[in-house]
Amino acid sequence: MKWSCFLNDASLGRHTVAHDLYNSDWTVPFAAGKLAAIGYRAGKQVATNELRTHGAAAKLQITAPQIPWAGDLAFFEIAVVDDAV
């Protein structure tokens, strides 16, 4: 599989990852914005992943999981989010 990497829409090149590996090291300089990876197999796009930097913490976002729980416990996910959320 081949992976292309983009930092703020500027290409950082393409790496080949062996079919029996599940990761690859790729050194990328830090820059605020968006880091995207696109995976290709036989020239066809088959995977994507994107990470974005965030702004200053603005609030807590609390959500309950969609899985029903029985008993005396309650589970919640708490995330710190910025103004973009």
PDB file of N, CA and C in Angstrom:
ATOM      1  N   MET A   1       0.849  -1.161   0.000  1.00  0.00           N
ATOM      2  CA  MET A   1       0.000   0.000   0.000  1.00  0.00           C
ATOM      3  C   MET A   1       0.900   1.232   0.000  1.00  0.00           C
ATOM      4  N   LYS A   2       0.481   2.257  -0.701  1.00  0.00           N
ATOM      5  CA  LYS A   2       1.210   3.525  -0.733  1.00  0.00           C
ATOM      6  C   LYS A   2       0.389   4.574   0.004  1.00  0.00           C
ATOM      7  N   TRP A   3       1.094   5.439   0.743  1.00  0.00           N
ATOM      8  CA  TRP A   3       0.447   6.509   1.491  1.00  0.00           C
ATOM      9  C   TRP A   3       0.988   7.850   1.039  1.00  0.00           C
ATOM     10  N   SER A   4       0.101   8.806   0.822  1.00  0.00           N
ATOM     11  CA  SER A   4       0.470  10.188   0.563  1.00  0.00           C
ATOM     12  C   SER A   4       0.132  10.990   1.805  1.00  0.00           C
ATOM     13  N   CYS A   5       0.982  11.952   2.136  1.00  0.00           N
ATOM     14  CA  CYS A   5       0.764  12.771   3.319  1.00  0.00           C
ATOM     15  C   CYS A   5       0.747  14.240   2.900  1.00  0.00           C
ATOM     16  N   PHE A   6      -0.168  15.003   3.506  1.00  0.00           N
ATOM     17  CA  PHE A   6      -0.320  16.423   3.192  1.00  0.00           C
ATOM     18  C   PHE A   6      -0.383  17.224   4.485  1.00  0.00           C
ATOM     19  N   LEU A   7       0.384  18.297   4.563  1.00  0.00           N
ATOM     20  CA  LEU A   7       0.343  19.211   5.689  1.00  0.00           C
ATOM     21  C   LEU A   7      -0.188  20.539   5.173  1.00  0.00           C
ATOM     22  N   ASN A   8      -1.384  20.905   5.638  1.00  0.00           N
ATOM     23  CA  ASN A   8      -2.067  22.117   5.151  1.00  0.00           C
ATOM     24  C   ASN A   8      -2.137  22.133   3.626  1.00  0.00           C
ATOM     25  N   ASP A   9      -2.515  21.001   3.067  1.00  0.00           N
ATOM     26  CA  ASP A   9      -2.722  20.780   1.630  1.00  0.00           C
ATOM     27  C   ASP A   9      -1.443  20.797   0.797  1.00  0.00           C
ATOM     28  N   ALA A  10      -0.281  20.877   1.437  1.00  0.00           N
ATOM     29  CA  ALA A  10       0.997  20.787   0.717  1.00  0.00           C
ATOM     30  C   ALA A  10       1.509  19.357   0.834  1.00  0.00           C
ATOM     31  N   SER A  11       1.844  18.739  -0.281  1.00  0.00           N
ATOM     32  CA  SER A  11       2.281  17.347  -0.283  1.00  0.00           C
ATOM     33  C   SER A  11       3.614  17.172   0.432  1.00  0.00           C
ATOM     34  N   LEU A  12       3.686  16.127   1.264  1.00  0.00           N
ATOM     35  CA  LEU A  12       4.933  15.745   1.930  1.00  0.00           C
ATOM     36  C   LEU A  12       5.511  14.484   1.296  1.00  0.00           C
ATOM     37  N   GLY A  13       4.933  14.071   0.175  1.00  0.00           N
ATOM     38  CA  GLY A  13       5.449  12.912  -0.535  1.00  0.00           C
ATOM     39  C   GLY A  13       4.602  11.663  -0.344  1.00  0.00           C
ATOM     40  N   ARG A  14       5.170  10.534  -0.783  1.00  0.00           N
ATOM     41  CA  ARG A  14       4.455   9.261  -0.757  1.00  0.00           C
ATOM     42  C   ARG A  14       5.406   8.191  -0.233  1.00  0.00           C
ATOM     43  N   HIS A  15       4.900   7.316   0.636  1.00  0.00           N
ATOM     44  CA  HIS A  15       5.664   6.193   1.188  1.00  0.00           C
ATOM     45  C   HIS A  15       4.978   4.885   0.830  1.00  0.00           C
ATOM     46  N   THR A  16       5.771   3.848   0.669  1.00  0.00           N
ATOM     47  CA  THR A  16       5.235   2.510   0.473  1.00  0.00           C
ATOM     48  C   THR A  16       5.341   1.753   1.784  1.00  0.00           C
ATOM     49  N   VAL A  17       4.252   1.080   2.185  1.00  0.00           N
ATOM     50  CA  VAL A  17       4.218   0.288   3.409  1.00  0.00           C
ATOM     51  C   VAL A  17       3.993  -1.166   3.017  1.00  0.00           C
ATOM     52  N   ALA A  18       4.827  -2.066   3.544  1.00  0.00           N
ATOM     53  CA  ALA A  18       4.707  -3.492   3.224  1.00  0.00           C
ATOM     54  C   ALA A  18       3.341  -4.018   3.654  1.00  0.00           C
ATOM     55  N   HIS A  19       2.831  -5.008   2.942  1.00  0.00           N
ATOM     56  CA  HIS A  19       1.493  -5.536   3.211  1.00  0.00           C
ATOM     57  C   HIS A  19       1.379  -6.204   4.580  1.00  0.00           C
ATOM     58  N   ASP A  20       2.498  -6.604   5.190  1.00  0.00           N
ATOM     59  CA  ASP A  20       2.438  -7.269   6.486  1.00  0.00           C
ATOM     60  C   ASP A  20       2.716  -6.319   7.658  1.00  0.00           C
ATOM     61  N   LEU A  21       2.836  -5.009   7.380  1.00  0.00           N
ATOM     62  CA  LEU A  21       3.037  -4.020   8.433  1.00  0.00           C
ATOM     63  C   LEU A  21       1.753  -3.224   8.640  1.00  0.00           C
ATOM     64  N   TYR A  22       1.545  -2.770   9.863  1.00  0.00           N
ATOM     65  CA  TYR A  22       0.348  -1.992  10.162  1.00  0.00           C
ATOM     66  C   TYR A  22       0.678  -0.547  10.521  1.00  0.00           C
ATOM     67  N   ASN A  23       1.971  -0.190  10.425  1.00  0.00           N
ATOM     68  CA  ASN A  23       2.343   1.193  10.700  1.00  0.00           C
ATOM     69  C   ASN A  23       3.570   1.562   9.888  1.00  0.00           C
ATOM     70  N   SER A  24       3.862   2.841   9.865  1.00  0.00           N
ATOM     71  CA  SER A  24       5.031   3.357   9.163  1.00  0.00           C
ATOM     72  C   SER A  24       5.478   4.629   9.866  1.00  0.00           C
ATOM     73  N   ASP A  25       6.783   4.820   9.984  1.00  0.00           N
ATOM     74  CA  ASP A  25       7.299   6.055  10.578  1.00  0.00           C
ATOM     75  C   ASP A  25       7.416   7.121   9.505  1.00  0.00           C
ATOM     76  N   TRP A  26       6.946   8.304   9.828  1.00  0.00           N
ATOM     77  CA  TRP A  26       7.004   9.413   8.891  1.00  0.00           C
ATOM     78  C   TRP A  26       7.209  10.680   9.712  1.00  0.00           C
ATOM     79  N   THR A  27       8.385  11.275   9.623  1.00  0.00           N
ATOM     80  CA  THR A  27       8.694  12.484  10.381  1.00  0.00           C
ATOM     81  C   THR A  27       8.107  13.694   9.665  1.00  0.00           C
ATOM     82  N   VAL A  28       7.295  14.445  10.410  1.00  0.00           N
ATOM     83  CA  VAL A  28       6.605  15.605   9.844  1.00  0.00           C
ATOM     84  C   VAL A  28       6.853  16.790  10.757  1.00  0.00           C
ATOM     85  N   PRO A  29       7.273  17.939  10.227  1.00  0.00           N
ATOM     86  CA  PRO A  29       7.469  19.116  11.078  1.00  0.00           C
ATOM     87  C   PRO A  29       6.127  19.612  11.601  1.00  0.00           C
ATOM     88  N   PHE A  30       6.111  20.150  12.843  1.00  0.00           N
ATOM     89  CA  PHE A  30       4.861  20.673  13.377  1.00  0.00           C
ATOM     90  C   PHE A  30       4.477  21.971  12.682  1.00  0.00           C
ATOM     91  N   ALA A  31       3.217  22.080  12.367  1.00  0.00           N
ATOM     92  CA  ALA A  31       2.621  23.323  11.887  1.00  0.00           C
ATOM     93  C   ALA A  31       1.146  23.266  12.246  1.00  0.00           C
ATOM     94  N   ALA A  32       0.605  24.347  12.744  1.00  0.00           N
ATOM     95  CA  ALA A  32      -0.821  24.389  13.047  1.00  0.00           C
ATOM     96  C   ALA A  32      -1.609  24.189  11.766  1.00  0.00           C
ATOM     97  N   GLY A  33      -2.750  23.520  11.868  1.00  0.00           N
ATOM     98  CA  GLY A  33      -3.601  23.306  10.699  1.00  0.00           C
ATOM     99  C   GLY A  33      -4.036  21.872  10.546  1.00  0.00           C
ATOM    100  N   LYS A  34      -3.891  21.334   9.334  1.00  0.00           N
ATOM    101  CA  LYS A  34      -4.431  20.017   8.999  1.00  0.00           C
ATOM    102  C   LYS A  34      -3.330  19.094   8.481  1.00  0.00           C
ATOM    103  N   LEU A  35      -3.291  17.880   9.030  1.00  0.00           N
ATOM    104  CA  LEU A  35      -2.405  16.824   8.545  1.00  0.00           C
ATOM    105  C   LEU A  35      -3.290  15.707   8.012  1.00  0.00           C
ATOM    106  N   ALA A  36      -3.119  15.354   6.755  1.00  0.00           N
ATOM    107  CA  ALA A  36      -3.967  14.336   6.129  1.00  0.00           C
ATOM    108  C   ALA A  36      -3.108  13.246   5.510  1.00  0.00           C
ATOM    109  N   ALA A  37      -3.600  12.011   5.593  1.00  0.00           N
ATOM    110  CA  ALA A  37      -2.945  10.864   4.964  1.00  0.00           C
ATOM    111  C   ALA A  37      -3.974  10.160   4.095  1.00  0.00           C
ATOM    112  N   ILE A  38      -3.545   9.741   2.896  1.00  0.00           N
ATOM    113  CA  ILE A  38      -4.419   9.033   1.963  1.00  0.00           C
ATOM    114  C   ILE A  38      -3.710   7.758   1.542  1.00  0.00           C
ATOM    115  N   GLY A  39      -4.403   6.621   1.719  1.00  0.00           N
ATOM    116  CA  GLY A  39      -3.834   5.333   1.356  1.00  0.00           C
ATOM    117  C   GLY A  39      -4.343   4.864   0.006  1.00  0.00           C
ATOM    118  N   TYR A  40      -3.426   4.296  -0.796  1.00  0.00           N
ATOM    119  CA  TYR A  40      -3.771   3.805  -2.138  1.00  0.00           C
ATOM    120  C   TYR A  40      -3.361   2.347  -2.270  1.00  0.00           C
ATOM    121  N   ARG A  41      -4.194   1.556  -2.892  1.00  0.00           N
ATOM    122  CA  ARG A  41      -3.868   0.179  -3.232  1.00  0.00           C
ATOM    123  C   ARG A  41      -4.200   0.001  -4.713  1.00  0.00           C
ATOM    124  N   ALA A  42      -3.215  -0.437  -5.474  1.00  0.00           N
ATOM    125  CA  ALA A  42      -3.367  -0.606  -6.914  1.00  0.00           C
ATOM    126  C   ALA A  42      -3.833   0.688  -7.572  1.00  0.00           C
ATOM    127  N   GLY A  43      -3.334   1.823  -7.068  1.00  0.00           N
ATOM    128  CA  GLY A  43      -3.662   3.119  -7.655  1.00  0.00           C
ATOM    129  C   GLY A  43      -5.014   3.680  -7.269  1.00  0.00           C
ATOM    130  N   LYS A  44      -5.793   2.939  -6.459  1.00  0.00           N
ATOM    131  CA  LYS A  44      -7.127   3.390  -6.062  1.00  0.00           C
ATOM    132  C   LYS A  44      -7.117   3.800  -4.594  1.00  0.00           C
ATOM    133  N   GLN A  45      -7.730   4.951  -4.288  1.00  0.00           N
ATOM    134  CA  GLN A  45      -7.799   5.424  -2.908  1.00  0.00           C
ATOM    135  C   GLN A  45      -8.649   4.481  -2.078  1.00  0.00           C
ATOM    136  N   VAL A  46      -8.075   3.977  -0.959  1.00  0.00           N
ATOM    137  CA  VAL A  46      -8.795   3.012  -0.126  1.00  0.00           C
ATOM    138  C   VAL A  46      -8.879   3.432   1.343  1.00  0.00           C
ATOM    139  N   ALA A  47      -8.146   4.461   1.759  1.00  0.00           N
ATOM    140  CA  ALA A  47      -8.179   4.879   3.158  1.00  0.00           C
ATOM    141  C   ALA A  47      -7.795   6.346   3.277  1.00  0.00           C
ATOM    142  N   THR A  48      -8.359   7.017   4.285  1.00  0.00           N
ATOM    143  CA  THR A  48      -7.984   8.394   4.580  1.00  0.00           C
ATOM    144  C   THR A  48      -8.004   8.606   6.092  1.00  0.00           C
ATOM    145  N   ASN A  49      -7.214   9.543   6.549  1.00  0.00           N
ATOM    146  CA  ASN A  49      -7.237   9.952   7.945  1.00  0.00           C
ATOM    147  C   ASN A  49      -6.802  11.414   7.996  1.00  0.00           C
ATOM    148  N   GLU A  50      -7.381  12.165   8.931  1.00  0.00           N
ATOM    149  CA  GLU A  50      -7.086  13.582   9.024  1.00  0.00           C
ATOM    150  C   GLU A  50      -7.010  13.999  10.491  1.00  0.00           C
ATOM    151  N   LEU A  51      -6.020  14.796  10.817  1.00  0.00           N
ATOM    152  CA  LEU A  51      -5.868  15.376  12.150  1.00  0.00           C
ATOM    153  C   LEU A  51      -5.805  16.887  12.001  1.00  0.00           C
ATOM    154  N   ARG A  52      -6.408  17.606  12.945  1.00  0.00           N
ATOM    155  CA  ARG A  52      -6.378  19.072  12.925  1.00  0.00           C
ATOM    156  C   ARG A  52      -5.937  19.583  14.292  1.00  0.00           C
ATOM    157  N   THR A  53      -5.173  20.662  14.281  1.00  0.00           N
ATOM    158  CA  THR A  53      -4.856  21.312  15.540  1.00  0.00           C
ATOM    159  C   THR A  53      -6.106  22.042  16.019  1.00  0.00           C
ATOM    160  N   HIS A  54      -6.139  22.359  17.276  1.00  0.00           N
ATOM    161  CA  HIS A  54      -7.332  22.982  17.838  1.00  0.00           C
ATOM    162  C   HIS A  54      -6.991  24.345  18.417  1.00  0.00           C
ATOM    163  N   GLY A  55      -8.032  25.098  18.693  1.00  0.00           N
ATOM    164  CA  GLY A  55      -7.859  26.392  19.333  1.00  0.00           C
ATOM    165  C   GLY A  55      -7.859  26.230  20.842  1.00  0.00           C
ATOM    166  N   ALA A  56      -7.971  27.323  21.538  1.00  0.00           N
ATOM    167  CA  ALA A  56      -8.000  27.292  23.001  1.00  0.00           C
ATOM    168  C   ALA A  56      -9.262  26.581  23.479  1.00  0.00           C
ATOM    169  N   ALA A  57      -9.150  25.910  24.618  1.00  0.00           N
ATOM    170  CA  ALA A  57     -10.300  25.207  25.191  1.00  0.00           C
ATOM    171  C   ALA A  57     -11.413  26.207  25.480  1.00  0.00           C
ATOM    172  N   ALA A  58     -12.644  25.861  25.063  1.00  0.00           N
ATOM    173  CA  ALA A  58     -13.772  26.774  25.241  1.00  0.00           C
ATOM    174  C   ALA A  58     -14.846  26.201  26.158  1.00  0.00           C
ATOM    175  N   LYS A  59     -15.012  24.870  26.140  1.00  0.00           N
ATOM    176  CA  LYS A  59     -16.061  24.269  26.970  1.00  0.00           C
ATOM    177  C   LYS A  59     -15.838  22.764  27.087  1.00  0.00           C
ATOM    178  N   LEU A  60     -16.603  22.143  27.978  1.00  0.00           N
ATOM    179  CA  LEU A  60     -16.620  20.688  28.098  1.00  0.00           C
ATOM    180  C   LEU A  60     -17.856  20.180  27.373  1.00  0.00           C
ATOM    181  N   GLN A  61     -17.695  19.093  26.644  1.00  0.00           N
ATOM    182  CA  GLN A  61     -18.813  18.471  25.934  1.00  0.00           C
ATOM    183  C   GLN A  61     -19.021  17.096  26.570  1.00  0.00           C
ATOM    184  N   ILE A  62     -20.208  16.851  27.112  1.00  0.00           N
ATOM    185  CA  ILE A  62     -20.499  15.602  27.814  1.00  0.00           C
ATOM    186  C   ILE A  62     -21.557  14.839  27.037  1.00  0.00           C
ATOM    187  N   THR A  63     -21.265  13.580  26.719  1.00  0.00           N
ATOM    188  CA  THR A  63     -22.222  12.738  25.999  1.00  0.00           C
ATOM    189  C   THR A  63     -22.314  11.382  26.682  1.00  0.00           C
ATOM    190  N   ALA A  64     -23.496  10.803  26.617  1.00  0.00           N
ATOM    191  CA  ALA A  64     -23.715   9.454  27.144  1.00  0.00           C
ATOM    192  C   ALA A  64     -23.523   8.457  26.014  1.00  0.00           C
ATOM    193  N   PRO A  65     -22.920   7.307  26.277  1.00  0.00           N
ATOM    194  CA  PRO A  65     -22.745   6.306  25.222  1.00  0.00           C
ATOM    195  C   PRO A  65     -24.098   5.750  24.784  1.00  0.00           C
ATOM    196  N   GLN A  66     -24.135   5.243  23.568  1.00  0.00           N
ATOM    197  CA  GLN A  66     -25.370   4.695  23.018  1.00  0.00           C
ATOM    198  C   GLN A  66     -25.628   3.261  23.468  1.00  0.00           C
ATOM    199  N   ILE A  67     -24.710   2.703  24.246  1.00  0.00           N
ATOM    200  CA  ILE A  67     -24.851   1.328  24.730  1.00  0.00           C
ATOM    201  C   ILE A  67     -25.643   1.351  26.033  1.00  0.00           C
ATOM    202  N   PRO A  68     -26.722   0.606  26.128  1.00  0.00           N
ATOM    203  CA  PRO A  68     -27.490   0.604  27.383  1.00  0.00           C
ATOM    204  C   PRO A  68     -26.724  -0.116  28.498  1.00  0.00           C
ATOM    205  N   TRP A  69     -26.746   0.451  29.687  1.00  0.00           N
ATOM    206  CA  TRP A  69     -26.082  -0.138  30.850  1.00  0.00           C
ATOM    207  C   TRP A  69     -27.127  -0.473  31.895  1.00  0.00           C
ATOM    208  N   ALA A  70     -26.950  -1.587  32.536  1.00  0.00           N
ATOM    209  CA  ALA A  70     -27.840  -1.973  33.635  1.00  0.00           C
ATOM    210  C   ALA A  70     -27.071  -1.832  34.938  1.00  0.00           C
ATOM    211  N   GLY A  71     -27.767  -1.525  35.995  1.00  0.00           N
ATOM    212  CA  GLY A  71     -27.100  -1.436  37.287  1.00  0.00           C
ATOM    213  C   GLY A  71     -27.031  -0.019  37.804  1.00  0.00           C
ATOM    214  N   ASP A  72     -26.153   0.189  38.768  1.00  0.00           N
ATOM    215  CA  ASP A  72     -26.067   1.463  39.464  1.00  0.00           C
ATOM    216  C   ASP A  72     -25.036   2.419  38.886  1.00  0.00           C
ATOM    217  N   LEU A  73     -24.400   2.077  37.798  1.00  0.00           N
ATOM    218  CA  LEU A  73     -23.368   2.922  37.217  1.00  0.00           C
ATOM    219  C   LEU A  73     -23.885   3.659  35.991  1.00  0.00           C
ATOM    220  N   ALA A  74     -23.329   4.844  35.754  1.00  0.00           N
ATOM    221  CA  ALA A  74     -23.621   5.596  34.537  1.00  0.00           C
ATOM    222  C   ALA A  74     -22.282   5.998  33.930  1.00  0.00           C
ATOM    223  N   PHE A  75     -22.141   5.865  32.620  1.00  0.00           N
ATOM    224  CA  PHE A  75     -20.909   6.193  31.923  1.00  0.00           C
ATOM    225  C   PHE A  75     -21.138   7.382  31.013  1.00  0.00           C
ATOM    226  N   PHE A  76     -20.156   8.284  30.971  1.00  0.00           N
ATOM    227  CA  PHE A  76     -20.229   9.458  30.122  1.00  0.00           C
ATOM    228  C   PHE A  76     -18.868   9.709  29.505  1.00  0.00           C
ATOM    229  N   GLU A  77     -18.855  10.288  28.313  1.00  0.00           N
ATOM    230  CA  GLU A  77     -17.624  10.718  27.670  1.00  0.00           C
ATOM    231  C   GLU A  77     -17.547  12.234  27.821  1.00  0.00           C
ATOM    232  N   ILE A  78     -16.412  12.712  28.318  1.00  0.00           N
ATOM    233  CA  ILE A  78     -16.214  14.146  28.509  1.00  0.00           C
ATOM    234  C   ILE A  78     -15.047  14.581  27.623  1.00  0.00           C
ATOM    235  N   ALA A  79     -15.285  15.565  26.771  1.00  0.00           N
ATOM    236  CA  ALA A  79     -14.244  16.067  25.868  1.00  0.00           C
ATOM    237  C   ALA A  79     -14.081  17.569  26.053  1.00  0.00           C
ATOM    238  N   VAL A  80     -12.855  18.033  26.000  1.00  0.00           N
ATOM    239  CA  VAL A  80     -12.575  19.469  25.997  1.00  0.00           C
ATOM    240  C   VAL A  80     -12.563  19.905  24.535  1.00  0.00           C
ATOM    241  N   VAL A  81     -13.400  20.885  24.193  1.00  0.00           N
ATOM    242  CA  VAL A  81     -13.518  21.306  22.796  1.00  0.00           C
ATOM    243  C   VAL A  81     -13.241  22.806  22.660  1.00  0.00           C
ATOM    244  N   ASP A  82     -12.925  23.226  21.440  1.00  0.00           N
ATOM    245  CA  ASP A  82     -12.692  24.648  21.173  1.00  0.00           C
ATOM    246  C   ASP A  82     -13.937  25.287  20.577  1.00  0.00           C
ATOM    247  N   ASP A  83     -13.847  26.528  20.160  1.00  0.00           N
ATOM    248  CA  ASP A  83     -15.008  27.240  19.617  1.00  0.00           C
ATOM    249  C   ASP A  83     -15.469  26.699  18.276  1.00  0.00           C
ATOM    250  N   ALA A  84     -14.651  25.916  17.594  1.00  0.00           N
ATOM    251  CA  ALA A  84     -15.018  25.391  16.280  1.00  0.00           C
ATOM    252  C   ALA A  84     -16.034  24.261  16.365  1.00  0.00           C
ATOM    253  N   VAL A  85     -16.263  23.711  17.543  1.00  0.00           N
ATOM    254  CA  VAL A  85     -17.196  22.585  17.706  1.00  0.00           C
ATOM    255  C   VAL A  85     -18.583  23.102  17.955  1.00  0.00           C
TER     256      VAL A  85
END
